[in-house]
Amino acid sequence: MTEIEVKIRRPDAASAREELLKAGALLDKERARETNVLYDFRDKPLTSRRQALRLRTVGRKCFLTFKGAPQKSRRFKIREEFEVEVRGEKPARKILQALGFVPVFRYEKFRTVFRRDRVKICLDETRLGVFLELEGERSRIIRLVKLLGIPPAELITLDYVQMLIQAGVEPD
């Protein structure tokens, strides 16, 4: 599947939530803590190709995700993404380590999920601040951005790992 997304910095979670509800977004998933661990081989071939292998834990659920290298786009982050739910973090970690993968970066966030007009809207509370992550078709994202009154210059195409590294957070 191809993932198309942008991020938008917001001042705080409460006003962002209110802004989404006023725009007609519907709550899809309540606020939950996510732990994300990126894996690569020791010589980091995935990282050098701008690919990612992520193990995400949300409560008792665990997801293994591969993300391809981003396509060139000034307005959106576009990349192939394949995700499967796995039965547990511990067995998944053991499998990854048995295959030679090592954890290279870890970060956490709190995420609340909304939906509007087939756009998935994630309200993310991170150590860098609060962000909306909009994921869906380009035209629907653009419509939602306009509805929210967000200037195009405020759209962010970096992922959280890139943003954390730019902020000086060192990988594991």
N, C-alpha and C. Protein backbone atom coordinates (compact mmCIF):
# COMPACT_ATOMS: atom_id res chain seq x y z
N MET A 1 0.83 -1.17 0.00
CA MET A 1 0.00 0.00 0.00
C MET A 1 0.88 1.24 0.00
N THR A 2 0.43 2.27 -0.67
CA THR A 2 1.17 3.53 -0.68
C THR A 2 0.60 4.46 0.39
N GLU A 3 1.48 4.94 1.23
CA GLU A 3 1.10 5.86 2.30
C GLU A 3 1.39 7.29 1.83
N ILE A 4 0.40 8.16 1.93
CA ILE A 4 0.54 9.57 1.59
C ILE A 4 0.17 10.36 2.84
N GLU A 5 1.09 11.20 3.32
CA GLU A 5 0.81 11.90 4.57
C GLU A 5 1.53 13.23 4.66
N VAL A 6 1.04 14.07 5.57
CA VAL A 6 1.72 15.30 5.98
C VAL A 6 1.50 15.46 7.48
N LYS A 7 2.36 16.26 8.08
CA LYS A 7 2.21 16.59 9.50
C LYS A 7 2.03 18.10 9.62
N ILE A 8 1.35 18.50 10.70
CA ILE A 8 1.12 19.91 10.98
C ILE A 8 1.34 20.11 12.47
N ARG A 9 2.22 21.03 12.83
CA ARG A 9 2.46 21.33 14.25
C ARG A 9 1.26 22.11 14.80
N ARG A 10 0.85 21.77 15.99
CA ARG A 10 -0.25 22.46 16.67
C ARG A 10 0.25 22.94 18.03
N PRO A 11 -0.39 23.97 18.59
CA PRO A 11 0.10 24.51 19.87
C PRO A 11 -0.10 23.56 21.05
N ASP A 12 -1.22 22.83 21.07
CA ASP A 12 -1.48 21.92 22.19
C ASP A 12 -2.55 20.91 21.77
N ALA A 13 -2.65 19.83 22.52
CA ALA A 13 -3.57 18.74 22.17
C ALA A 13 -5.03 19.14 22.32
N ALA A 14 -5.36 19.89 23.36
CA ALA A 14 -6.76 20.25 23.60
C ALA A 14 -7.32 21.11 22.47
N SER A 15 -6.58 22.13 22.06
CA SER A 15 -7.09 22.98 20.98
C SER A 15 -7.08 22.24 19.64
N ALA A 16 -6.12 21.35 19.43
CA ALA A 16 -6.09 20.56 18.19
C ALA A 16 -7.31 19.65 18.12
N ARG A 17 -7.63 19.02 19.23
CA ARG A 17 -8.81 18.13 19.29
C ARG A 17 -10.09 18.93 18.99
N GLU A 18 -10.21 20.09 19.61
CA GLU A 18 -11.37 20.95 19.39
C GLU A 18 -11.47 21.38 17.93
N GLU A 19 -10.34 21.73 17.35
CA GLU A 19 -10.27 22.15 15.95
C GLU A 19 -10.76 21.01 15.03
N LEU A 20 -10.35 19.79 15.32
CA LEU A 20 -10.77 18.64 14.51
C LEU A 20 -12.26 18.37 14.63
N LEU A 21 -12.76 18.41 15.85
CA LEU A 21 -14.19 18.16 16.06
C LEU A 21 -15.05 19.22 15.39
N LYS A 22 -14.61 20.49 15.45
CA LYS A 22 -15.34 21.58 14.78
C LYS A 22 -15.35 21.38 13.26
N ALA A 23 -14.29 20.76 12.74
CA ALA A 23 -14.19 20.51 11.29
C ALA A 23 -14.96 19.26 10.88
N GLY A 24 -15.62 18.61 11.83
CA GLY A 24 -16.44 17.44 11.50
C GLY A 24 -15.72 16.11 11.57
N ALA A 25 -14.52 16.10 12.14
CA ALA A 25 -13.80 14.83 12.30
C ALA A 25 -14.47 14.02 13.41
N LEU A 26 -14.45 12.72 13.25
CA LEU A 26 -15.03 11.81 14.23
C LEU A 26 -13.93 11.03 14.93
N LEU A 27 -14.07 10.89 16.23
CA LEU A 27 -13.10 10.12 17.01
C LEU A 27 -13.17 8.66 16.58
N ASP A 28 -12.02 8.08 16.24
CA ASP A 28 -11.95 6.68 15.82
C ASP A 28 -11.30 5.81 16.90
N LYS A 29 -10.20 6.32 17.50
CA LYS A 29 -9.51 5.57 18.56
C LYS A 29 -9.09 6.54 19.65
N GLU A 30 -9.40 6.17 20.87
CA GLU A 30 -9.05 6.99 22.04
C GLU A 30 -7.53 7.10 22.18
N ARG A 31 -7.09 8.08 22.93
CA ARG A 31 -5.68 8.34 23.18
C ARG A 31 -5.01 7.08 23.74
N ALA A 32 -3.88 6.71 23.12
CA ALA A 32 -3.13 5.53 23.55
C ALA A 32 -1.63 5.79 23.40
N ARG A 33 -0.87 5.18 24.27
CA ARG A 33 0.59 5.30 24.21
C ARG A 33 1.13 4.32 23.18
N GLU A 34 2.02 4.82 22.33
CA GLU A 34 2.69 3.98 21.33
C GLU A 34 4.19 3.97 21.61
N THR A 35 4.76 2.78 21.56
CA THR A 35 6.21 2.63 21.62
C THR A 35 6.66 2.14 20.26
N ASN A 36 7.60 2.85 19.66
CA ASN A 36 8.09 2.53 18.32
C ASN A 36 9.58 2.23 18.39
N VAL A 37 9.98 1.09 17.84
CA VAL A 37 11.39 0.73 17.78
C VAL A 37 11.72 0.42 16.33
N LEU A 38 12.72 1.13 15.79
CA LEU A 38 13.19 0.87 14.44
C LEU A 38 14.33 -0.13 14.49
N TYR A 39 14.32 -1.05 13.55
CA TYR A 39 15.34 -2.09 13.46
C TYR A 39 16.08 -1.98 12.14
N ASP A 40 17.35 -2.38 12.17
CA ASP A 40 18.17 -2.44 10.96
C ASP A 40 19.28 -3.44 11.25
N PHE A 41 20.06 -3.77 10.23
CA PHE A 41 21.26 -4.57 10.45
C PHE A 41 22.33 -3.64 10.98
N ARG A 42 23.40 -4.21 11.53
CA ARG A 42 24.44 -3.38 12.16
C ARG A 42 25.05 -2.36 11.20
N ASP A 43 25.19 -2.73 9.92
CA ASP A 43 25.78 -1.78 8.96
C ASP A 43 24.73 -0.85 8.34
N LYS A 44 23.50 -0.91 8.82
CA LYS A 44 22.39 -0.01 8.51
C LYS A 44 22.05 0.15 7.02
N PRO A 45 21.89 -0.95 6.29
CA PRO A 45 21.51 -0.82 4.88
C PRO A 45 20.11 -0.23 4.69
N LEU A 46 19.18 -0.53 5.59
CA LEU A 46 17.83 0.05 5.45
C LEU A 46 17.89 1.56 5.63
N THR A 47 18.59 1.99 6.66
CA THR A 47 18.72 3.42 6.94
C THR A 47 19.37 4.14 5.76
N SER A 48 20.42 3.55 5.19
CA SER A 48 21.12 4.20 4.08
C SER A 48 20.24 4.29 2.83
N ARG A 49 19.27 3.39 2.70
CA ARG A 49 18.33 3.44 1.57
C ARG A 49 17.05 4.21 1.92
N ARG A 50 17.01 4.81 3.12
CA ARG A 50 15.87 5.58 3.63
C ARG A 50 14.62 4.70 3.77
N GLN A 51 14.86 3.44 4.11
CA GLN A 51 13.78 2.50 4.39
C GLN A 51 13.71 2.30 5.90
N ALA A 52 12.61 1.71 6.37
CA ALA A 52 12.47 1.52 7.81
C ALA A 52 11.74 0.22 8.10
N LEU A 53 12.16 -0.44 9.17
CA LEU A 53 11.48 -1.61 9.70
C LEU A 53 11.15 -1.27 11.15
N ARG A 54 9.85 -1.16 11.44
CA ARG A 54 9.41 -0.66 12.74
C ARG A 54 8.56 -1.70 13.46
N LEU A 55 8.81 -1.83 14.76
CA LEU A 55 7.97 -2.63 15.63
C LEU A 55 7.25 -1.65 16.56
N ARG A 56 5.93 -1.57 16.43
CA ARG A 56 5.12 -0.63 17.21
C ARG A 56 4.26 -1.40 18.19
N THR A 57 4.26 -0.97 19.45
CA THR A 57 3.42 -1.57 20.47
C THR A 57 2.42 -0.53 20.96
N VAL A 58 1.14 -0.91 20.94
CA VAL A 58 0.05 -0.05 21.42
C VAL A 58 -0.79 -0.92 22.35
N GLY A 59 -0.65 -0.69 23.65
CA GLY A 59 -1.34 -1.55 24.60
C GLY A 59 -0.86 -2.98 24.45
N ARG A 60 -1.80 -3.89 24.20
CA ARG A 60 -1.43 -5.31 24.01
C ARG A 60 -1.22 -5.66 22.54
N LYS A 61 -1.43 -4.69 21.65
CA LYS A 61 -1.27 -4.96 20.22
C LYS A 61 0.12 -4.58 19.76
N CYS A 62 0.59 -5.31 18.75
CA CYS A 62 1.93 -5.10 18.24
C CYS A 62 1.89 -5.20 16.71
N PHE A 63 2.58 -4.28 16.04
CA PHE A 63 2.56 -4.23 14.58
C PHE A 63 3.98 -4.14 14.05
N LEU A 64 4.26 -4.94 13.02
CA LEU A 64 5.55 -4.88 12.33
C LEU A 64 5.30 -4.21 10.98
N THR A 65 6.06 -3.16 10.71
CA THR A 65 5.83 -2.35 9.52
C THR A 65 7.12 -2.15 8.75
N PHE A 66 7.05 -2.35 7.43
CA PHE A 66 8.16 -1.98 6.54
C PHE A 66 7.74 -0.75 5.78
N LYS A 67 8.62 0.24 5.73
CA LYS A 67 8.37 1.46 4.96
C LYS A 67 9.47 1.61 3.93
N GLY A 68 9.07 1.76 2.67
CA GLY A 68 10.03 1.96 1.59
C GLY A 68 10.59 3.38 1.61
N ALA A 69 11.54 3.61 0.73
CA ALA A 69 12.13 4.95 0.61
C ALA A 69 11.07 5.94 0.14
N PRO A 70 11.08 7.16 0.67
CA PRO A 70 10.09 8.15 0.25
C PRO A 70 10.26 8.53 -1.23
N GLN A 71 9.14 8.74 -1.89
CA GLN A 71 9.15 9.24 -3.26
C GLN A 71 9.37 10.74 -3.21
N LYS A 72 9.83 11.30 -4.34
CA LYS A 72 10.06 12.75 -4.38
C LYS A 72 8.72 13.47 -4.44
N SER A 73 8.51 14.34 -3.48
CA SER A 73 7.30 15.16 -3.43
C SER A 73 7.58 16.32 -2.48
N ARG A 74 7.26 17.52 -2.90
CA ARG A 74 7.47 18.68 -2.04
C ARG A 74 6.36 18.84 -1.01
N ARG A 75 5.16 18.38 -1.35
CA ARG A 75 4.00 18.65 -0.50
C ARG A 75 3.63 17.51 0.42
N PHE A 76 4.03 16.27 0.07
CA PHE A 76 3.59 15.10 0.83
C PHE A 76 4.75 14.16 1.08
N LYS A 77 4.61 13.35 2.12
CA LYS A 77 5.51 12.22 2.32
C LYS A 77 4.80 11.03 1.71
N ILE A 78 5.41 10.42 0.70
CA ILE A 78 4.80 9.31 -0.03
C ILE A 78 5.78 8.15 -0.01
N ARG A 79 5.31 7.00 0.48
CA ARG A 79 6.18 5.82 0.50
C ARG A 79 5.33 4.56 0.58
N GLU A 80 5.91 3.47 0.13
CA GLU A 80 5.25 2.17 0.25
C GLU A 80 5.29 1.75 1.71
N GLU A 81 4.21 1.12 2.14
CA GLU A 81 4.13 0.67 3.54
C GLU A 81 3.41 -0.67 3.59
N PHE A 82 4.01 -1.62 4.30
CA PHE A 82 3.40 -2.93 4.51
C PHE A 82 3.41 -3.20 6.01
N GLU A 83 2.25 -3.56 6.54
CA GLU A 83 2.13 -3.73 7.99
C GLU A 83 1.35 -5.00 8.32
N VAL A 84 1.82 -5.71 9.34
CA VAL A 84 1.10 -6.88 9.85
C VAL A 84 1.03 -6.78 11.37
N GLU A 85 -0.07 -7.28 11.91
CA GLU A 85 -0.17 -7.37 13.36
C GLU A 85 0.51 -8.67 13.78
N VAL A 86 1.32 -8.58 14.83
CA VAL A 86 2.01 -9.77 15.35
C VAL A 86 1.49 -10.05 16.75
N ARG A 87 1.67 -11.29 17.21
CA ARG A 87 1.04 -11.72 18.46
C ARG A 87 1.66 -11.19 19.73
N GLY A 88 2.82 -10.63 19.65
CA GLY A 88 3.43 -10.10 20.87
C GLY A 88 4.76 -9.44 20.58
N GLU A 89 5.09 -8.45 21.39
CA GLU A 89 6.33 -7.72 21.18
C GLU A 89 7.55 -8.61 21.42
N LYS A 90 7.54 -9.37 22.50
CA LYS A 90 8.70 -10.18 22.85
C LYS A 90 9.05 -11.21 21.76
N PRO A 91 8.08 -12.02 21.29
CA PRO A 91 8.42 -12.96 20.22
C PRO A 91 8.86 -12.25 18.94
N ALA A 92 8.22 -11.12 18.62
CA ALA A 92 8.60 -10.38 17.41
C ALA A 92 10.04 -9.89 17.52
N ARG A 93 10.39 -9.35 18.68
CA ARG A 93 11.77 -8.89 18.91
C ARG A 93 12.76 -10.03 18.75
N LYS A 94 12.42 -11.20 19.32
CA LYS A 94 13.32 -12.36 19.23
C LYS A 94 13.52 -12.80 17.78
N ILE A 95 12.44 -12.79 17.01
CA ILE A 95 12.55 -13.16 15.59
C ILE A 95 13.45 -12.16 14.86
N LEU A 96 13.22 -10.86 15.07
CA LEU A 96 14.03 -9.85 14.41
C LEU A 96 15.50 -10.00 14.78
N GLN A 97 15.78 -10.22 16.06
CA GLN A 97 17.17 -10.37 16.50
C GLN A 97 17.79 -11.65 15.95
N ALA A 98 17.01 -12.74 15.85
CA ALA A 98 17.52 -13.99 15.29
C ALA A 98 17.88 -13.83 13.82
N LEU A 99 17.19 -12.92 13.14
CA LEU A 99 17.48 -12.64 11.73
C LEU A 99 18.64 -11.66 11.55
N GLY A 100 19.18 -11.15 12.65
CA GLY A 100 20.32 -10.25 12.58
C GLY A 100 19.98 -8.77 12.72
N PHE A 101 18.72 -8.46 12.96
CA PHE A 101 18.33 -7.06 13.14
C PHE A 101 18.66 -6.59 14.56
N VAL A 102 19.01 -5.32 14.67
CA VAL A 102 19.26 -4.71 15.97
C VAL A 102 18.41 -3.44 16.09
N PRO A 103 17.99 -3.09 17.31
CA PRO A 103 17.25 -1.83 17.46
C PRO A 103 18.18 -0.65 17.23
N VAL A 104 17.74 0.31 16.41
CA VAL A 104 18.59 1.46 16.10
C VAL A 104 17.98 2.79 16.56
N PHE A 105 16.68 2.81 16.84
CA PHE A 105 16.05 4.06 17.29
C PHE A 105 14.75 3.71 17.99
N ARG A 106 14.48 4.42 19.08
CA ARG A 106 13.26 4.17 19.85
C ARG A 106 12.62 5.51 20.20
N TYR A 107 11.30 5.59 20.05
CA TYR A 107 10.59 6.80 20.46
C TYR A 107 9.16 6.43 20.86
N GLU A 108 8.58 7.30 21.67
CA GLU A 108 7.21 7.07 22.14
C GLU A 108 6.36 8.30 21.82
N LYS A 109 5.07 8.07 21.74
CA LYS A 109 4.13 9.18 21.58
C LYS A 109 2.77 8.71 22.07
N PHE A 110 1.91 9.67 22.32
CA PHE A 110 0.51 9.38 22.60
C PHE A 110 -0.26 9.76 21.35
N ARG A 111 -1.13 8.86 20.90
CA ARG A 111 -1.86 9.07 19.65
C ARG A 111 -3.36 8.90 19.87
N THR A 112 -4.12 9.87 19.35
CA THR A 112 -5.57 9.80 19.28
C THR A 112 -5.92 9.84 17.80
N VAL A 113 -6.80 8.95 17.35
CA VAL A 113 -7.10 8.87 15.91
C VAL A 113 -8.52 9.36 15.63
N PHE A 114 -8.61 10.22 14.62
CA PHE A 114 -9.88 10.74 14.12
C PHE A 114 -9.97 10.38 12.64
N ARG A 115 -11.16 10.52 12.08
CA ARG A 115 -11.36 10.33 10.64
C ARG A 115 -12.31 11.40 10.13
N ARG A 116 -12.03 11.84 8.91
CA ARG A 116 -12.93 12.75 8.23
C ARG A 116 -12.71 12.60 6.73
N ASP A 117 -13.81 12.36 6.01
CA ASP A 117 -13.76 12.29 4.54
C ASP A 117 -12.65 11.34 4.07
N ARG A 118 -12.59 10.17 4.67
CA ARG A 118 -11.60 9.13 4.34
C ARG A 118 -10.15 9.56 4.54
N VAL A 119 -9.95 10.52 5.41
CA VAL A 119 -8.60 10.90 5.82
C VAL A 119 -8.43 10.45 7.27
N LYS A 120 -7.37 9.72 7.52
CA LYS A 120 -7.02 9.33 8.89
C LYS A 120 -6.24 10.49 9.49
N ILE A 121 -6.70 10.96 10.64
CA ILE A 121 -6.08 12.11 11.30
C ILE A 121 -5.57 11.65 12.65
N CYS A 122 -4.27 11.67 12.82
CA CYS A 122 -3.67 11.27 14.09
C CYS A 122 -3.25 12.51 14.86
N LEU A 123 -3.75 12.64 16.05
CA LEU A 123 -3.33 13.71 16.96
C LEU A 123 -2.23 13.11 17.82
N ASP A 124 -0.99 13.51 17.52
CA ASP A 124 0.18 12.92 18.17
C ASP A 124 0.80 13.88 19.17
N GLU A 125 0.99 13.39 20.38
CA GLU A 125 1.68 14.14 21.43
C GLU A 125 3.06 13.51 21.58
N THR A 126 4.09 14.24 21.17
CA THR A 126 5.45 13.73 21.15
C THR A 126 6.33 14.58 22.05
N ARG A 127 7.56 14.15 22.25
CA ARG A 127 8.48 14.96 23.04
C ARG A 127 8.88 16.24 22.32
N LEU A 128 8.58 16.32 21.01
CA LEU A 128 8.86 17.53 20.23
C LEU A 128 7.68 18.50 20.21
N GLY A 129 6.54 18.05 20.69
CA GLY A 129 5.34 18.88 20.65
C GLY A 129 4.16 18.09 20.13
N VAL A 130 3.11 18.82 19.76
CA VAL A 130 1.86 18.22 19.30
C VAL A 130 1.76 18.39 17.78
N PHE A 131 1.37 17.31 17.11
CA PHE A 131 1.25 17.32 15.65
C PHE A 131 -0.03 16.63 15.22
N LEU A 132 -0.57 17.09 14.10
CA LEU A 132 -1.59 16.34 13.39
C LEU A 132 -0.89 15.64 12.25
N GLU A 133 -1.17 14.37 12.06
CA GLU A 133 -0.65 13.63 10.92
C GLU A 133 -1.87 13.25 10.08
N LEU A 134 -1.92 13.75 8.85
CA LEU A 134 -3.04 13.49 7.95
C LEU A 134 -2.60 12.46 6.92
N GLU A 135 -3.37 11.38 6.79
CA GLU A 135 -3.01 10.31 5.86
C GLU A 135 -4.23 9.96 5.02
N GLY A 136 -4.04 9.93 3.70
CA GLY A 136 -5.13 9.60 2.78
C GLY A 136 -4.75 9.99 1.37
N GLU A 137 -5.76 10.18 0.53
CA GLU A 137 -5.53 10.62 -0.85
C GLU A 137 -5.12 12.09 -0.84
N ARG A 138 -4.24 12.45 -1.79
CA ARG A 138 -3.74 13.83 -1.86
C ARG A 138 -4.87 14.86 -1.84
N SER A 139 -5.86 14.67 -2.73
CA SER A 139 -6.93 15.67 -2.87
C SER A 139 -7.72 15.82 -1.57
N ARG A 140 -7.94 14.73 -0.87
CA ARG A 140 -8.69 14.79 0.38
C ARG A 140 -7.87 15.47 1.49
N ILE A 141 -6.57 15.21 1.49
CA ILE A 141 -5.70 15.88 2.47
C ILE A 141 -5.71 17.38 2.21
N ILE A 142 -5.57 17.78 0.95
CA ILE A 142 -5.56 19.20 0.60
C ILE A 142 -6.86 19.87 1.04
N ARG A 143 -7.99 19.21 0.78
CA ARG A 143 -9.29 19.77 1.20
C ARG A 143 -9.35 19.96 2.71
N LEU A 144 -8.88 18.97 3.45
CA LEU A 144 -8.92 19.06 4.91
C LEU A 144 -7.99 20.16 5.42
N VAL A 145 -6.81 20.27 4.82
CA VAL A 145 -5.86 21.33 5.21
C VAL A 145 -6.50 22.70 5.00
N LYS A 146 -7.18 22.87 3.86
CA LYS A 146 -7.86 24.14 3.58
C LYS A 146 -8.99 24.38 4.58
N LEU A 147 -9.76 23.34 4.88
CA LEU A 147 -10.86 23.46 5.84
C LEU A 147 -10.35 23.89 7.21
N LEU A 148 -9.19 23.36 7.59
CA LEU A 148 -8.59 23.70 8.88
C LEU A 148 -7.91 25.08 8.86
N GLY A 149 -7.77 25.66 7.66
CA GLY A 149 -7.14 26.97 7.54
C GLY A 149 -5.64 26.95 7.74
N ILE A 150 -5.01 25.84 7.39
CA ILE A 150 -3.56 25.69 7.57
C ILE A 150 -2.86 26.17 6.30
N PRO A 151 -1.93 27.13 6.40
CA PRO A 151 -1.17 27.55 5.22
C PRO A 151 -0.27 26.41 4.73
N PRO A 152 -0.15 26.24 3.41
CA PRO A 152 0.69 25.16 2.86
C PRO A 152 2.13 25.18 3.40
N ALA A 153 2.63 26.35 3.73
CA ALA A 153 4.01 26.45 4.24
C ALA A 153 4.18 25.75 5.59
N GLU A 154 3.09 25.48 6.29
CA GLU A 154 3.18 24.82 7.60
C GLU A 154 3.15 23.30 7.51
N LEU A 155 3.01 22.75 6.31
CA LEU A 155 2.97 21.29 6.15
C LEU A 155 4.38 20.73 6.31
N ILE A 156 4.49 19.64 7.04
CA ILE A 156 5.77 18.99 7.33
C ILE A 156 5.78 17.62 6.67
N THR A 157 6.84 17.32 5.92
CA THR A 157 6.93 16.01 5.27
C THR A 157 7.96 15.10 5.93
N LEU A 158 8.60 15.57 6.98
CA LEU A 158 9.55 14.73 7.71
C LEU A 158 8.81 13.72 8.57
N ASP A 159 9.45 12.57 8.84
CA ASP A 159 8.86 11.64 9.80
C ASP A 159 9.40 11.97 11.19
N TYR A 160 8.83 11.33 12.20
CA TYR A 160 9.22 11.67 13.58
C TYR A 160 10.69 11.36 13.85
N VAL A 161 11.22 10.30 13.26
CA VAL A 161 12.63 9.98 13.48
C VAL A 161 13.51 11.11 12.94
N GLN A 162 13.22 11.57 11.71
CA GLN A 162 14.00 12.68 11.14
C GLN A 162 13.89 13.92 12.02
N MET A 163 12.69 14.20 12.50
CA MET A 163 12.48 15.38 13.35
C MET A 163 13.24 15.25 14.67
N LEU A 164 13.23 14.07 15.26
CA LEU A 164 13.95 13.85 16.51
C LEU A 164 15.45 14.00 16.31
N ILE A 165 15.97 13.44 15.22
CA ILE A 165 17.41 13.55 14.94
C ILE A 165 17.78 15.02 14.71
N GLN A 166 16.94 15.75 13.94
CA GLN A 166 17.21 17.18 13.73
C GLN A 166 17.21 17.95 15.05
N ALA A 167 16.41 17.49 16.01
CA ALA A 167 16.33 18.15 17.32
C ALA A 167 17.47 17.72 18.25
N GLY A 168 18.35 16.84 17.75
CA GLY A 168 19.51 16.44 18.54
C GLY A 168 19.34 15.18 19.36
N VAL A 169 18.25 14.44 19.15
CA VAL A 169 18.06 13.18 19.87
C VAL A 169 18.90 12.12 19.17
N GLU A 170 19.76 11.47 19.92
CA GLU A 170 20.65 10.46 19.36
C GLU A 170 19.94 9.11 19.23
N PRO A 171 20.20 8.39 18.13
CA PRO A 171 19.66 7.03 18.02
C PRO A 171 20.29 6.11 19.05
N ASP A 172 19.61 4.97 19.30
CA ASP A 172 20.12 3.98 20.26
C ASP A 172 21.48 3.47 19.82
